[in-house]
Protein backbone atom coordinates (compact mmCIF):
# COMPACT_ATOMS: atom_id res chain seq x y z
CA UNK A 1 -0.82 -18.97 -9.60
CA UNK A 2 -1.25 -16.06 -12.00
CA UNK A 3 0.48 -12.70 -11.64
CA UNK A 4 -2.58 -10.85 -10.34
CA UNK A 5 -3.14 -13.45 -7.63
CA UNK A 6 0.53 -13.29 -6.67
CA UNK A 7 0.31 -9.54 -6.21
CA UNK A 8 -2.86 -9.87 -4.18
CA UNK A 9 -1.11 -12.41 -1.94
CA UNK A 10 1.90 -10.09 -1.69
CA UNK A 11 -0.36 -7.22 -0.58
CA UNK A 12 -1.89 -9.43 2.11
CA UNK A 13 1.58 -10.31 3.39
CA UNK A 14 2.66 -6.67 3.27
CA UNK A 15 -0.39 -5.67 5.31
CA UNK A 16 0.37 -8.31 7.92
CA UNK A 17 4.02 -7.20 8.15
CA UNK A 18 3.04 -3.51 8.44
CA UNK A 19 0.50 -4.40 11.14
CA UNK A 20 3.10 -6.35 13.10
CA UNK A 21 5.59 -3.48 12.71
CA UNK A 22 3.13 -0.97 14.08
CA UNK A 23 2.01 -3.17 16.99
CA UNK A 24 5.58 -4.25 17.88
CA UNK A 25 8.04 -1.60 16.74
CA UNK A 26 11.04 -3.90 16.47
CA UNK A 27 13.54 -3.40 13.63
CA UNK A 28 11.70 -3.90 10.34
CA UNK A 29 14.23 -6.44 9.06
CA UNK A 30 13.63 -8.74 12.04
CA UNK A 31 9.85 -8.48 11.67
CA UNK A 32 10.07 -9.35 7.98
CA UNK A 33 12.43 -12.26 8.68
CA UNK A 34 10.18 -13.63 11.44
CA UNK A 35 7.07 -13.22 9.26
CA UNK A 36 8.50 -15.35 6.45
CA UNK A 37 9.72 -18.00 8.92
CA UNK A 38 6.22 -18.26 10.40
CA UNK A 39 4.38 -18.42 7.06
CA UNK A 40 2.76 -21.80 6.69
CA UNK A 41 3.56 -21.95 2.96
CA UNK A 42 6.62 -20.16 1.70
CA UNK A 43 5.63 -17.78 -1.05
CA UNK A 44 7.24 -17.62 -4.45
CA UNK A 45 10.09 -15.13 -4.83
CA UNK A 46 7.80 -12.79 -6.78
CA UNK A 47 5.31 -12.63 -3.90
CA UNK A 48 8.00 -12.07 -1.30
CA UNK A 49 9.78 -9.48 -3.40
CA UNK A 50 6.63 -7.42 -4.11
CA UNK A 51 5.49 -7.65 -0.46
CA UNK A 52 8.86 -6.43 0.77
CA UNK A 53 8.88 -3.62 -1.83
CA UNK A 54 5.50 -2.40 -0.52
CA UNK A 55 6.58 -2.68 3.12
CA UNK A 56 9.94 -0.97 2.71
CA UNK A 57 8.54 1.77 0.50
CA UNK A 58 5.62 2.42 2.82
CA UNK A 59 7.90 2.65 5.86
CA UNK A 60 10.47 4.78 3.98
CA UNK A 61 7.82 7.32 2.92
CA UNK A 62 5.61 7.02 6.01
CA UNK A 63 5.71 10.68 6.99
CA UNK A 64 4.72 11.85 3.53
CA UNK A 65 2.10 9.12 3.15
CA UNK A 66 0.50 9.93 6.52
CA UNK A 67 0.43 13.61 5.52
CA UNK A 68 -1.36 12.76 2.27
CA UNK A 69 -3.89 10.53 4.06
CA UNK A 70 -4.47 13.19 6.76
CA UNK A 71 -5.16 15.77 4.07
CA UNK A 72 -7.64 13.42 2.33
CA UNK A 73 -9.67 12.59 5.42
CA UNK A 74 -11.75 15.40 6.72
CA UNK A 75 -12.51 15.71 10.43
CA UNK A 76 -10.68 12.49 11.17
CA UNK A 77 -7.26 11.85 12.67
CA UNK A 78 -5.11 9.09 11.24
CA UNK A 79 -4.23 8.00 14.78
CA UNK A 80 -7.92 7.32 15.51
CA UNK A 81 -8.29 4.89 12.59
CA UNK A 82 -8.29 1.17 13.12
CA UNK A 83 -4.73 -0.13 12.76
CA UNK A 84 -5.70 -2.41 9.86
CA UNK A 85 -7.46 0.40 7.98
CA UNK A 86 -4.56 2.78 8.57
CA UNK A 87 -2.06 0.28 7.18
CA UNK A 88 -4.24 -0.57 4.19
CA UNK A 89 -4.45 3.14 3.42
CA UNK A 90 -0.72 3.56 3.86
CA UNK A 91 0.32 0.67 1.62
CA UNK A 92 -2.27 1.53 -1.06
CA UNK A 93 -1.26 5.19 -0.99
CA UNK A 94 2.33 4.10 -1.42
CA UNK A 95 1.31 2.16 -4.53
CA UNK A 96 -0.69 5.07 -5.93
CA UNK A 97 2.04 7.66 -5.38
CA UNK A 98 5.28 5.74 -5.86
CA UNK A 99 4.73 2.65 -8.06
CA UNK A 100 4.34 3.69 -11.70
CA UNK A 101 3.64 0.10 -12.80
CA UNK A 102 0.46 -0.08 -10.70
CA UNK A 103 -2.57 1.77 -12.11
CA UNK A 104 -4.28 3.78 -9.35
CA UNK A 105 -7.56 1.92 -10.00
CA UNK A 106 -5.83 -1.37 -9.25
CA UNK A 107 -4.27 -0.04 -6.03
CA UNK A 108 -7.67 1.28 -4.92
CA UNK A 109 -9.48 -1.96 -5.76
CA UNK A 110 -6.87 -4.07 -3.98
CA UNK A 111 -7.02 -1.79 -0.93
CA UNK A 112 -10.80 -2.09 -0.81
CA UNK A 113 -10.56 -5.88 -1.10
CA UNK A 114 -8.03 -6.00 1.75
CA UNK A 115 -10.38 -3.91 3.89
CA UNK A 116 -13.29 -6.20 3.11
CA UNK A 117 -11.22 -9.28 3.97
CA UNK A 118 -9.33 -8.09 7.07
CA UNK A 119 -11.37 -5.27 8.59
CA UNK A 120 -14.90 -4.23 9.46
CA UNK A 121 -17.92 -4.29 7.14
CA UNK A 122 -17.90 -0.56 6.41
CA UNK A 123 -14.13 -0.32 5.98
CA UNK A 124 -14.28 -1.06 2.24
CA UNK A 125 -16.34 2.10 1.60
CA UNK A 126 -14.12 4.15 3.94
CA UNK A 127 -10.91 2.97 2.26
CA UNK A 128 -12.40 3.44 -1.24
CA UNK A 129 -13.43 7.04 -0.55
CA UNK A 130 -10.05 8.06 0.83
CA UNK A 131 -7.95 6.30 -1.82
CA UNK A 132 -10.13 7.64 -4.63
CA UNK A 133 -9.65 11.17 -3.31
CA UNK A 134 -5.89 10.67 -3.03
CA UNK A 135 -5.70 9.28 -6.58
CA UNK A 136 -7.57 12.30 -7.92
CA UNK A 137 -5.86 15.05 -5.91
CA UNK A 138 -2.24 13.97 -5.47
CA UNK A 139 0.47 13.93 -8.08
CA UNK A 140 2.50 10.72 -8.41
CA UNK A 141 5.99 10.89 -6.95
CA UNK A 142 7.63 8.84 -9.70
CA UNK A 143 9.19 9.80 -13.01
CA UNK A 144 6.71 8.57 -15.56
CA UNK A 145 6.00 11.38 -17.97
CA UNK A 146 5.86 9.96 -21.50
CA UNK A 147 8.72 11.16 -23.69
CA UNK A 148 8.32 12.48 -27.19
CA UNK A 149 10.52 11.39 -30.11
CA UNK A 150 13.29 13.81 -29.11
CA UNK A 151 13.28 12.84 -25.46
CA UNK A 152 11.17 15.83 -24.50
CA UNK A 153 8.01 15.46 -22.38
CA UNK A 154 5.11 14.57 -24.66
CA UNK A 155 2.01 16.73 -24.68
């Protein structure tokens, strides 16, 4: 299984865990533990690790992420969104804002693919529009400015 496929699988697992967490607000650790026990095929460590990174980061920054999503959607409340769409937007926004190793285009594309696979027909377009707006209007929350030869910010 190549690296891209592993990350796609990890994103699917993360979405399922986030969905379960929202529908049954038990402690996150117990939801994650139960999820992996119930998985038909145990994922490789890389899949599990990336999925848990997305889940924990999304939950840790949930207030900020929901604020960013709310700002990006016009005339729409985040609480009125389908649970699946809301959690796709949350996890993809987390990747865009907080994971420097993930290009925003990849996070958007993966979010759209999750919406097409797990949600309604029109959800892909909905998710794409919101994530694209977030990627173009929000500054990343990670330290990734390229450094010049003297350790100063380049540019």
